[in-house]
Amino acid sequence: MICQGTIYIIQQDNTLTLINRKNRLGNLIREVKIVPKLVDNLQNTFMYGITIILGLTVGAKAEGNLFLSPTTLLIIFLGLIAFSIGTLSGVLMGKLMYWLTKGKINPMIGAAGVSAVPMAARVVHLEGQKADPHNYLLMYAMGPNVAGVIGSAVAAGVLLAFFQ
């Protein structure tokens, strides 16, 4: 049975129908669990290759004198500083919450407060499992991770309103 969303997409644009079919095929391959090696290759190796090809095509279109300007380098540097400060303040807040709750909150959760979804939460989860293999922090780390995304969106909105 075809859902109403699919019918709407078919009515709007045939290009969207093709994208919808590819998404459904990817979900079908992943969820059937008959071909686990294919799923692993598609999720890891194939995605790395596609990412490299995408980066090469975008990089081939970019002009070096426009990209490597002092303004671009300043933006990259400020982003690196902001990410570092965000991670540091998250870790410090996690330590404070650990101290205030007398050890009920894992202080590593604070490091997931940056808006790098889902990698920040995954890194916290993996580092927690290195310390204690019975730690399962992924879902707990996704909360601050999503809050970091919301905070970034609010900050961007404030900056846009300020500069308009």
Protein backbone atom coordinates (compact mmCIF):
# COMPACT_ATOMS: atom_id res chain seq x y z
CA MET A 1 0.00 0.00 0.00
CA ILE A 2 1.40 3.38 -1.01
CA CYS A 3 1.37 6.02 1.70
CA GLN A 4 -0.08 9.49 1.12
CA GLY A 5 3.35 11.12 1.38
CA THR A 6 4.63 9.05 -1.54
CA ILE A 7 1.62 10.00 -3.67
CA TYR A 8 2.21 13.67 -2.84
CA ILE A 9 5.88 13.40 -3.80
CA ILE A 10 5.02 11.67 -7.09
CA GLN A 11 2.55 14.46 -7.91
CA GLN A 12 5.09 17.20 -7.17
CA ASP A 13 8.23 16.15 -8.98
CA ASN A 14 9.66 13.03 -10.57
CA THR A 15 13.14 13.90 -9.26
CA LEU A 16 11.84 13.70 -5.71
CA THR A 17 10.34 10.32 -6.53
CA LEU A 18 13.78 9.01 -7.52
CA ILE A 19 15.31 10.28 -4.26
CA ASN A 20 12.43 8.73 -2.30
CA ARG A 21 13.00 5.37 -4.01
CA LYS A 22 16.73 5.47 -3.22
CA ASN A 23 15.99 6.20 0.44
CA ARG A 24 13.51 3.33 0.59
CA LEU A 25 15.99 0.96 -1.08
CA GLY A 26 18.70 1.93 1.42
CA ASN A 27 16.36 1.37 4.36
CA LEU A 28 15.21 -1.95 2.91
CA ILE A 29 18.79 -3.19 2.46
CA ARG A 30 19.69 -2.15 6.00
CA GLU A 31 16.59 -3.50 7.77
CA VAL A 32 16.25 -6.88 6.01
CA LYS A 33 19.55 -8.07 7.55
CA ILE A 34 20.08 -10.69 4.84
CA VAL A 35 23.19 -9.05 3.41
CA PRO A 36 25.16 -7.72 6.41
CA LYS A 37 28.43 -7.33 4.46
CA LEU A 38 26.68 -5.20 1.84
CA VAL A 39 25.14 -3.06 4.59
CA ASP A 40 28.55 -2.63 6.22
CA ASN A 41 30.16 -1.67 2.90
CA LEU A 42 27.39 0.80 2.07
CA GLN A 43 27.52 2.42 5.51
CA ASN A 44 31.30 2.67 5.76
CA THR A 45 33.47 2.14 2.69
CA PHE A 46 31.02 3.39 0.09
CA MET A 47 30.13 6.49 2.14
CA TYR A 48 33.80 7.39 2.57
CA GLY A 49 34.29 7.13 -1.18
CA ILE A 50 31.23 9.26 -1.90
CA THR A 51 32.43 11.85 0.62
CA ILE A 52 35.83 12.04 -1.09
CA ILE A 53 34.23 12.36 -4.53
CA LEU A 54 31.90 15.09 -3.27
CA GLY A 55 34.82 16.95 -1.70
CA LEU A 56 36.84 16.67 -4.91
CA THR A 57 34.01 17.96 -7.09
CA VAL A 58 33.32 20.91 -4.78
CA GLY A 59 37.04 21.60 -4.48
CA ALA A 60 37.50 21.48 -8.24
CA LYS A 61 34.89 24.21 -8.66
CA ALA A 62 36.38 26.44 -5.94
CA GLU A 63 39.05 28.97 -6.79
CA GLY A 64 42.07 29.00 -4.50
CA ASN A 65 42.44 32.76 -4.35
CA LEU A 66 38.84 33.13 -3.20
CA PHE A 67 38.89 30.29 -0.70
CA LEU A 68 42.24 30.92 0.97
CA SER A 69 41.60 34.55 1.73
CA PRO A 70 42.37 36.04 5.15
CA THR A 71 38.64 36.27 5.87
CA THR A 72 38.09 32.55 5.25
CA LEU A 73 41.08 31.59 7.38
CA LEU A 74 39.83 33.86 10.17
CA ILE A 75 36.40 32.20 10.03
CA ILE A 76 37.98 28.73 10.21
CA PHE A 77 40.16 29.82 13.15
CA LEU A 78 37.20 31.37 15.01
CA GLY A 79 35.16 28.21 14.42
CA LEU A 80 37.95 26.09 15.86
CA ILE A 81 38.18 28.36 18.91
CA ALA A 82 34.38 28.31 19.38
CA PHE A 83 34.25 24.51 19.12
CA SER A 84 37.09 24.18 21.64
CA ILE A 85 35.45 26.59 24.08
CA GLY A 86 32.10 24.80 23.68
CA THR A 87 33.64 21.42 24.42
CA LEU A 88 35.65 22.76 27.36
CA SER A 89 32.67 24.50 28.91
CA GLY A 90 30.57 21.36 28.43
CA VAL A 91 33.16 19.22 30.20
CA LEU A 92 33.44 21.76 33.03
CA MET A 93 29.64 21.90 33.40
CA GLY A 94 29.55 18.09 33.41
CA LYS A 95 32.12 18.07 36.21
CA LEU A 96 30.05 20.63 38.13
CA MET A 97 26.89 18.53 37.70
CA TYR A 98 28.82 15.43 38.80
CA TRP A 99 29.94 17.27 41.92
CA LEU A 100 26.49 18.76 42.70
CA THR A 101 24.67 15.43 42.27
CA LYS A 102 27.36 13.55 44.20
CA GLY A 103 28.28 11.31 41.28
CA LYS A 104 24.85 10.57 39.76
CA ILE A 105 25.67 12.29 36.44
CA ASN A 106 28.54 11.13 34.26
CA PRO A 107 30.76 14.19 33.63
CA MET A 108 31.53 13.03 30.08
CA ILE A 109 27.98 13.90 29.05
CA GLY A 110 28.95 17.57 29.04
CA ALA A 111 31.34 17.04 26.13
CA ALA A 112 28.38 16.04 23.94
CA GLY A 113 26.87 19.53 24.24
CA VAL A 114 28.43 20.75 21.00
CA SER A 115 26.28 20.67 17.90
CA ALA A 116 28.28 18.01 16.04
CA VAL A 117 25.42 15.51 15.71
CA PRO A 118 25.82 12.54 16.16
CA MET A 119 29.62 12.32 16.36
CA ALA A 120 29.98 14.15 19.68
CA ALA A 121 27.55 11.74 21.32
CA ARG A 122 29.28 8.75 19.73
CA VAL A 123 32.70 9.89 20.93
CA VAL A 124 31.36 10.32 24.48
CA HIS A 125 29.77 6.87 24.29
CA LEU A 126 32.96 5.19 23.01
CA GLU A 127 35.19 6.93 25.55
CA GLY A 128 32.77 5.94 28.32
CA GLN A 129 32.91 2.32 27.19
CA LYS A 130 36.71 2.41 27.25
CA ALA A 131 36.55 3.37 30.93
CA ASP A 132 33.74 0.94 31.77
CA PRO A 133 32.51 -1.59 29.17
CA HIS A 134 29.08 -1.62 30.81
CA ASN A 135 28.59 2.12 30.20
CA TYR A 136 25.96 2.86 27.59
CA LEU A 137 25.96 6.63 27.25
CA LEU A 138 24.80 7.11 23.66
CA MET A 139 21.16 7.97 24.34
CA TYR A 140 22.07 10.07 27.38
CA ALA A 141 24.62 11.97 25.30
CA MET A 142 22.12 12.66 22.50
CA GLY A 143 20.13 14.97 24.80
CA PRO A 144 22.90 17.53 25.25
CA ASN A 145 23.89 16.97 21.62
CA VAL A 146 20.46 18.03 20.36
CA ALA A 147 20.43 20.87 22.90
CA GLY A 148 23.69 22.06 21.34
CA VAL A 149 22.02 22.12 17.92
CA ILE A 150 19.09 24.11 19.30
CA GLY A 151 21.48 26.50 21.05
CA SER A 152 23.43 26.98 17.81
CA ALA A 153 20.23 27.74 15.92
CA VAL A 154 19.15 30.27 18.57
CA ALA A 155 22.59 31.91 18.54
CA ALA A 156 22.51 32.10 14.74
CA GLY A 157 19.05 33.68 14.88
CA VAL A 158 20.21 36.26 17.41
CA LEU A 159 23.25 37.10 15.28
CA LEU A 160 21.13 37.41 12.15
CA ALA A 161 18.69 39.71 13.95
CA PHE A 162 21.58 41.75 15.33
CA PHE A 163 23.28 42.29 11.96
CA GLN A 164 20.16 43.05 9.89
